[in-house]
Amino acid sequence: MADTVPEGPEPGLEGEALAEALAEDESASLSEPELRAIAMGVAQHGERLDRALAETVPEFSRSYLQQLLAHGAVRLNDQPVSKAAHRIKAGDRVVVEMRPTLESQAFRPEAMDLDVVYEDAHLLVVHKPAGLVVHPAPGNWSGTLLNGLMARDPQCARMPRAGIVHRLDKDTSGLMVVARTRAAMDALVRMIALRQVRRQYLALAHRPWQGASSIAIDKPIGRDPRNRLRMAVVDLAQHSGKTARTDVELLGSGEQGCWVRCTLHTGRTHQIRVHMASAGHPLVADVLYGGTPAAGLQRQALHAFRLAFAHPVTGEALEFLAPLPQDMRNALSAWGLGYNGP
């Protein structure tokens, strides 16, 4: 991970938490709500309403705007509208009741030290440490990479999601590309969808490796039908999900586990974690997918070490390598596995 690509609505409040946020408290309801009127232009013509809103109200995520729609907080041409898939026409007038929420208030600058390994007028490449959440969400409304980007870079602060075009799980370390302009953001999203951004990871997993030293895990991934809080390999004939492929190369194997390099061909939620567990090698300390803390590691042993792509504006070939964090180096040493890398 997540190793993920944004392919749909982003995480937002759900269920009772959403109802509480929308209801607000009694004192807040006594004041006039802010109504934001939006004239949809040619750029939004033919788009889904929720997507058009996400472009024009960037301080709310698309999923939260979908939920505002469902709760009657949006009017289209003076008529209530609740369907997120409604197609917009140029000239449509949309009014959104801007209800203050934890999510909208989370989009604030917060100064923090960020390891920026590359920067130009169009993009940044950031080396994210383990433990840093990428985007505000329930349980982590502040102190995220998004907050840090907004404080560091005024250009990112003006971008939807502060220019974030893909994510890493909280406990996954490594490289991420961030857009500084809308043109770069749109191009990067397309490139990721077309699999033109090459992402490689290093992982330490349980159990000695057996069989071929290089395998392709081509198994669909969807919500685990038995536990909605996690993902799983699914049968698409019976459950919703998407195709997913991870190439895994053995770098070293010992009595306690194996050291591998993973190349993503798709970007499903928790893809490497799910695929490695399905192959009988859950990642060290990845308790959600069958791993346990070991070799001194308390976080999942996954590091996004390589990021390569053509610059979305200039076309220049770019490649970035991130050194392995010390905790993973120590774990390799504890298991008697060597490391030769960037």
Protein backbone atom coordinates (compact mmCIF):
# COMPACT_ATOMS: atom_id res chain seq x y z
CA MET A 1 0.00 0.00 0.00
CA ALA A 2 -0.81 0.19 0.13
CA ASP A 3 0.57 0.76 -2.48
CA THR A 4 -2.61 2.28 -3.75
CA VAL A 5 -3.79 4.31 -6.68
CA PRO A 6 -6.82 6.56 -6.19
CA GLU A 7 -9.44 4.77 -8.30
CA GLY A 8 -12.64 5.97 -6.71
CA PRO A 9 -14.04 7.78 -3.71
CA GLU A 10 -11.52 8.55 -1.03
CA PRO A 11 -11.86 7.56 2.62
CA GLY A 12 -14.35 9.66 4.54
CA LEU A 13 -16.75 9.55 7.45
CA GLU A 14 -19.33 6.78 7.33
CA GLY A 15 -22.45 5.70 9.17
CA GLU A 16 -23.04 7.10 12.62
CA ALA A 17 -19.84 9.16 12.54
CA LEU A 18 -21.07 10.92 9.41
CA ALA A 19 -24.51 11.55 10.90
CA GLU A 20 -22.93 13.08 13.98
CA ALA A 21 -20.68 15.32 11.91
CA LEU A 22 -23.55 16.48 9.72
CA ALA A 23 -25.86 17.10 12.64
CA GLU A 24 -23.29 19.33 14.40
CA ASP A 25 -24.29 20.68 17.81
CA GLU A 26 -27.32 22.78 18.69
CA SER A 27 -25.40 26.02 19.06
CA ALA A 28 -23.95 25.65 15.56
CA SER A 29 -27.38 25.08 14.08
CA LEU A 30 -28.54 28.47 15.33
CA SER A 31 -26.21 30.32 12.95
CA GLU A 32 -26.71 30.70 9.22
CA PRO A 33 -24.91 27.95 7.27
CA GLU A 34 -22.46 28.98 4.56
CA LEU A 35 -23.87 28.32 1.11
CA ARG A 36 -21.35 28.07 -1.71
CA ALA A 37 -22.70 28.69 -5.21
CA ILE A 38 -20.71 27.11 -8.04
CA ALA A 39 -21.22 27.82 -11.73
CA MET A 40 -20.13 24.72 -13.58
CA GLY A 41 -18.02 25.46 -16.63
CA VAL A 42 -16.99 23.73 -19.82
CA ALA A 43 -14.31 21.77 -17.93
CA GLN A 44 -17.02 20.05 -15.86
CA HIS A 45 -19.44 19.40 -18.76
CA GLY A 46 -20.34 15.72 -18.90
CA GLU A 47 -18.65 14.87 -15.59
CA ARG A 48 -20.31 13.10 -12.69
CA LEU A 49 -21.63 15.53 -10.11
CA ASP A 50 -19.45 14.16 -7.31
CA ARG A 51 -16.32 14.45 -9.44
CA ALA A 52 -17.18 17.99 -10.51
CA LEU A 53 -17.74 18.94 -6.88
CA ALA A 54 -14.40 17.43 -5.87
CA GLU A 55 -12.71 19.68 -8.43
CA THR A 56 -14.50 22.84 -7.31
CA VAL A 57 -14.64 22.21 -3.54
CA PRO A 58 -11.15 20.76 -2.93
CA GLU A 59 -11.25 21.09 0.85
CA PHE A 60 -13.79 18.23 0.96
CA SER A 61 -12.90 14.77 -0.33
CA ARG A 62 -15.02 13.19 -3.03
CA SER A 63 -16.44 10.60 -0.64
CA TYR A 64 -17.52 13.22 1.86
CA LEU A 65 -19.17 15.25 -0.92
CA GLN A 66 -21.02 12.10 -1.96
CA GLN A 67 -22.30 11.83 1.58
CA LEU A 68 -23.34 15.49 1.64
CA LEU A 69 -25.31 14.72 -1.52
CA ALA A 70 -27.02 11.80 0.20
CA HIS A 71 -27.93 14.03 3.16
CA GLY A 72 -29.60 16.76 1.12
CA ALA A 73 -26.88 19.39 1.39
CA VAL A 74 -26.58 19.98 -2.37
CA ARG A 75 -28.96 21.67 -4.83
CA LEU A 76 -28.65 21.66 -8.61
CA ASN A 77 -30.38 24.46 -10.52
CA ASP A 78 -32.47 25.20 -7.41
CA GLN A 79 -33.60 21.56 -7.09
CA PRO A 80 -32.43 19.04 -4.48
CA VAL A 81 -30.07 16.44 -5.94
CA SER A 82 -28.77 13.29 -4.32
CA LYS A 83 -27.33 11.20 -7.16
CA ALA A 84 -23.54 11.35 -7.27
CA ALA A 85 -23.57 9.98 -10.83
CA HIS A 86 -25.74 12.80 -12.22
CA ARG A 87 -24.01 14.27 -15.29
CA ILE A 88 -23.20 17.97 -15.16
CA LYS A 89 -23.81 20.40 -18.02
CA ALA A 90 -21.87 23.58 -18.63
CA GLY A 91 -23.82 26.41 -17.03
CA ASP A 92 -25.38 24.31 -14.29
CA ARG A 93 -25.57 26.11 -10.96
CA VAL A 94 -24.80 24.05 -7.87
CA VAL A 95 -25.22 25.23 -4.29
CA VAL A 96 -23.46 23.30 -1.51
CA GLU A 97 -24.26 23.80 2.15
CA MET A 98 -20.80 24.00 3.68
CA ARG A 99 -21.24 22.17 6.94
CA PRO A 100 -18.10 22.28 9.08
CA THR A 101 -16.74 18.79 9.67
CA LEU A 102 -13.68 17.18 11.13
CA GLU A 103 -12.67 16.31 7.59
CA SER A 104 -12.94 19.81 6.14
CA GLN A 105 -11.16 21.27 9.15
CA ALA A 106 -8.35 18.76 8.69
CA PHE A 107 -7.17 20.45 5.49
CA ARG A 108 -4.89 22.88 7.30
CA PRO A 109 -1.15 23.55 7.02
CA GLU A 110 1.03 21.99 9.73
CA ALA A 111 4.75 22.59 9.71
CA MET A 112 6.80 19.39 9.75
CA ASP A 113 10.12 18.11 8.48
CA LEU A 114 9.65 16.43 5.12
CA ASP A 115 12.37 14.55 3.27
CA VAL A 116 12.02 15.98 -0.24
CA VAL A 117 14.41 14.16 -2.57
CA TYR A 118 13.43 16.02 -5.76
CA GLU A 119 11.59 19.22 -6.59
CA ASP A 120 10.85 21.27 -9.70
CA ALA A 121 8.08 23.61 -10.82
CA HIS A 122 5.71 20.72 -11.50
CA LEU A 123 6.24 18.03 -8.87
CA LEU A 124 7.92 16.82 -5.69
CA VAL A 125 9.24 13.41 -4.76
CA VAL A 126 9.03 12.74 -1.03
CA HIS A 127 10.60 10.00 1.09
CA LYS A 128 7.85 9.18 3.60
CA PRO A 129 8.92 7.67 6.92
CA ALA A 130 7.05 4.79 8.53
CA GLY A 131 4.40 6.05 10.92
CA LEU A 132 3.33 9.07 8.86
CA VAL A 133 -0.28 8.97 7.61
CA VAL A 134 -0.63 10.27 4.05
CA HIS A 135 -4.15 11.76 4.06
CA PRO A 136 -6.53 12.87 6.84
CA ALA A 137 -9.10 10.23 7.72
CA PRO A 138 -11.05 9.11 10.79
CA GLY A 139 -8.58 8.66 13.62
CA ASN A 140 -5.93 10.80 11.91
CA TRP A 141 -7.37 14.24 11.19
CA SER A 142 -4.05 16.04 11.67
CA GLY A 143 -0.31 15.46 11.45
CA THR A 144 -0.53 13.88 7.99
CA LEU A 145 1.67 14.24 4.94
CA LEU A 146 -1.08 16.36 3.37
CA ASN A 147 -0.90 18.81 6.27
CA GLY A 148 2.87 19.01 5.95
CA LEU A 149 2.73 19.57 2.20
CA MET A 150 0.24 22.41 2.63
CA ALA A 151 2.58 24.13 5.10
CA ARG A 152 5.72 23.61 3.02
CA ASP A 153 4.47 24.45 -0.46
CA PRO A 154 1.84 27.11 -1.33
CA GLN A 155 1.38 25.45 -4.72
CA CYS A 156 0.48 22.13 -3.11
CA ALA A 157 -1.89 23.96 -0.75
CA ARG A 158 -3.93 25.09 -3.77
CA MET A 159 -4.16 21.59 -5.25
CA PRO A 160 -6.86 18.98 -4.62
CA ARG A 161 -5.52 16.64 -1.90
CA ALA A 162 -2.38 18.85 -1.81
CA GLY A 163 -1.25 17.18 -5.05
CA ILE A 164 -1.20 13.63 -3.67
CA VAL A 165 -1.78 11.18 -6.53
CA HIS A 166 -1.04 7.86 -4.83
CA ARG A 167 -0.57 6.66 -1.28
CA LEU A 168 1.43 4.48 1.03
CA ASP A 169 0.07 2.85 4.17
CA LYS A 170 0.90 4.58 7.44
CA ASP A 171 3.54 1.99 8.37
CA THR A 172 5.02 1.63 4.89
CA SER A 173 8.08 3.79 4.23
CA GLY A 174 9.39 5.06 0.93
CA LEU A 175 8.96 7.22 -2.14
CA MET A 176 5.89 9.11 -3.30
CA VAL A 177 5.42 11.61 -6.13
CA VAL A 178 3.32 14.72 -5.43
CA ALA A 179 2.01 17.15 -8.08
CA ARG A 180 2.51 20.91 -7.73
CA THR A 181 0.32 21.90 -10.71
CA ARG A 182 -3.04 20.69 -11.95
CA ALA A 183 -1.59 19.74 -15.34
CA ALA A 184 1.06 17.58 -13.67
CA MET A 185 -1.54 16.05 -11.35
CA ASP A 186 -3.89 15.06 -14.17
CA ALA A 187 -0.99 13.63 -16.18
CA LEU A 188 0.37 11.63 -13.23
CA VAL A 189 -3.04 10.17 -12.43
CA ARG A 190 -3.37 9.05 -16.07
CA MET A 191 0.15 7.63 -16.07
CA ILE A 192 -0.52 5.62 -12.91
CA ALA A 193 -3.79 4.30 -14.35
CA LEU A 194 -1.93 3.29 -17.54
CA ARG A 195 0.80 1.63 -15.44
CA GLN A 196 3.46 4.02 -16.71
CA VAL A 197 4.82 4.73 -13.22
CA ARG A 198 7.16 1.98 -12.07
CA ARG A 199 7.05 1.28 -8.34
CA GLN A 200 9.21 -1.28 -6.58
CA TYR A 201 9.26 -2.32 -2.95
CA LEU A 202 11.50 -4.27 -0.60
CA ALA A 203 9.84 -6.56 1.93
CA LEU A 204 10.82 -8.94 4.71
CA ALA A 205 8.42 -11.84 5.09
CA HIS A 206 7.87 -14.84 7.30
CA ARG A 207 8.88 -18.40 6.37
CA PRO A 208 11.77 -19.60 4.19
CA TRP A 209 11.29 -19.24 0.45
CA GLN A 210 10.60 -22.36 -1.61
CA GLY A 211 10.29 -22.87 -5.33
CA ALA A 212 11.22 -20.56 -8.21
CA SER A 213 13.19 -17.46 -7.29
CA SER A 214 10.85 -15.22 -9.28
CA ILE A 215 7.05 -15.46 -9.40
CA ALA A 216 4.13 -13.42 -10.69
CA ILE A 217 1.16 -13.27 -8.33
CA ASP A 218 -1.85 -12.51 -10.51
CA LYS A 219 -4.86 -12.68 -8.20
CA PRO A 220 -7.87 -10.33 -7.93
CA ILE A 221 -8.23 -8.28 -4.74
CA GLY A 222 -11.38 -6.99 -3.09
CA ARG A 223 -12.89 -6.45 0.33
CA ASP A 224 -12.62 -9.53 2.51
CA PRO A 225 -16.21 -10.86 2.60
CA ARG A 226 -15.60 -12.13 6.16
CA ASN A 227 -13.91 -8.98 7.49
CA ARG A 228 -14.72 -5.66 5.85
CA LEU A 229 -11.79 -3.98 7.57
CA ARG A 230 -9.28 -5.79 5.39
CA MET A 231 -8.70 -6.85 1.81
CA ALA A 232 -8.38 -10.36 0.41
CA VAL A 233 -7.81 -12.37 -2.74
CA VAL A 234 -11.34 -12.89 -4.10
CA ASP A 235 -13.17 -14.88 -6.74
CA LEU A 236 -14.57 -12.25 -9.12
CA ALA A 237 -17.39 -14.61 -10.05
CA GLN A 238 -18.69 -14.39 -6.49
CA HIS A 239 -17.34 -11.14 -5.01
CA SER A 240 -16.56 -7.63 -6.18
CA GLY A 241 -12.91 -6.81 -6.70
CA LYS A 242 -10.29 -5.90 -9.28
CA THR A 243 -7.50 -7.70 -11.05
CA ALA A 244 -4.09 -7.31 -9.41
CA ARG A 245 -0.57 -8.39 -10.30
CA THR A 246 2.63 -8.29 -8.26
CA ASP A 247 5.98 -9.66 -9.46
CA VAL A 248 8.08 -11.03 -6.60
CA GLU A 249 11.83 -11.69 -6.81
CA LEU A 250 13.76 -13.51 -4.11
CA LEU A 251 16.76 -11.59 -2.75
CA GLY A 252 17.60 -13.84 0.16
CA SER A 253 16.15 -16.59 2.34
CA GLY A 254 16.98 -17.91 5.80
CA GLU A 255 15.55 -20.13 8.49
CA GLN A 256 13.07 -17.53 9.75
CA GLY A 257 11.98 -15.81 6.57
CA CYS A 258 12.75 -14.29 3.20
CA TRP A 259 13.83 -10.97 1.70
CA VAL A 260 12.07 -10.03 -1.55
CA ARG A 261 11.68 -7.29 -4.13
CA CYS A 262 8.12 -6.61 -5.31
CA THR A 263 7.12 -4.81 -8.50
CA LEU A 264 3.58 -3.49 -8.77
CA HIS A 265 1.68 -3.71 -12.04
CA THR A 266 -1.55 -2.49 -10.42
CA GLY A 267 -2.21 -0.42 -7.35
CA ARG A 268 -4.87 -2.09 -5.25
CA THR A 269 -5.32 -1.36 -1.58
CA HIS A 270 -2.81 -3.38 0.49
CA GLN A 271 -1.82 -5.23 -2.70
CA ILE A 272 1.66 -6.44 -1.72
CA ARG A 273 0.53 -7.31 1.79
CA VAL A 274 -2.41 -9.37 0.50
CA HIS A 275 -0.47 -11.08 -2.29
CA MET A 276 2.46 -12.02 -0.07
CA ALA A 277 0.09 -13.45 2.55
CA SER A 278 -1.72 -15.42 -0.16
CA ALA A 279 1.64 -16.90 -1.20
CA GLY A 280 2.26 -18.12 2.35
CA HIS A 281 4.68 -15.32 3.24
CA PRO A 282 2.90 -12.63 5.29
CA LEU A 283 5.07 -9.59 5.91
CA VAL A 284 6.88 -9.37 9.21
CA ALA A 285 4.78 -7.46 11.78
CA ASP A 286 1.80 -7.18 9.41
CA VAL A 287 -0.71 -8.45 11.97
CA LEU A 288 -3.71 -7.61 9.75
CA TYR A 289 -2.62 -10.25 7.23
CA GLY A 290 -1.10 -12.93 9.43
CA GLY A 291 2.33 -11.53 10.22
CA THR A 292 3.77 -11.12 13.70
CA PRO A 293 6.39 -8.74 15.15
CA ALA A 294 9.85 -10.25 14.71
CA ALA A 295 13.51 -9.32 14.26
CA GLY A 296 12.88 -6.14 16.22
CA LEU A 297 10.20 -4.85 13.82
CA GLN A 298 6.88 -3.60 15.14
CA ARG A 299 5.61 -2.23 11.80
CA GLN A 300 5.02 -4.05 8.54
CA ALA A 301 8.35 -4.68 6.81
CA LEU A 302 7.62 -2.87 3.54
CA HIS A 303 9.62 -0.08 1.89
CA ALA A 304 8.93 1.67 -1.44
CA PHE A 305 12.55 1.93 -2.55
CA ARG A 306 12.28 2.75 -6.28
CA LEU A 307 10.10 5.14 -8.25
CA ALA A 308 10.61 5.67 -11.99
CA PHE A 309 8.53 7.54 -14.56
CA ALA A 310 8.69 10.01 -17.42
CA HIS A 311 8.29 13.59 -16.24
CA PRO A 312 4.61 14.46 -16.87
CA VAL A 313 5.51 17.81 -18.48
CA THR A 314 9.02 17.56 -19.93
CA GLY A 315 9.07 13.84 -20.72
CA GLU A 316 12.47 13.44 -19.05
CA ALA A 317 13.13 9.96 -17.67
CA LEU A 318 13.26 10.17 -13.86
CA GLU A 319 14.35 7.51 -11.39
CA PHE A 320 14.60 7.77 -7.61
CA LEU A 321 15.97 5.34 -5.04
CA ALA A 322 15.37 5.53 -1.29
CA PRO A 323 17.81 3.97 1.19
CA LEU A 324 16.47 1.20 3.38
CA PRO A 325 15.35 2.47 6.81
CA GLN A 326 17.50 1.48 9.77
CA ASP A 327 14.80 -0.66 11.39
CA MET A 328 14.62 -2.89 8.31
CA ARG A 329 18.42 -3.02 8.06
CA ASN A 330 18.56 -4.17 11.68
CA ALA A 331 15.89 -6.82 11.02
CA LEU A 332 17.82 -8.21 8.05
CA SER A 333 20.94 -8.40 10.16
CA ALA A 334 19.07 -10.16 12.96
CA TRP A 335 17.93 -12.83 10.52
CA GLY A 336 21.35 -13.17 8.91
CA LEU A 337 20.24 -11.78 5.56
CA GLY A 338 22.50 -9.40 3.67
CA TYR A 339 21.46 -6.19 1.94
CA ASN A 340 23.02 -4.67 -1.14
CA GLY A 341 20.90 -1.86 -2.46
CA PRO A 342 20.46 1.87 -2.98
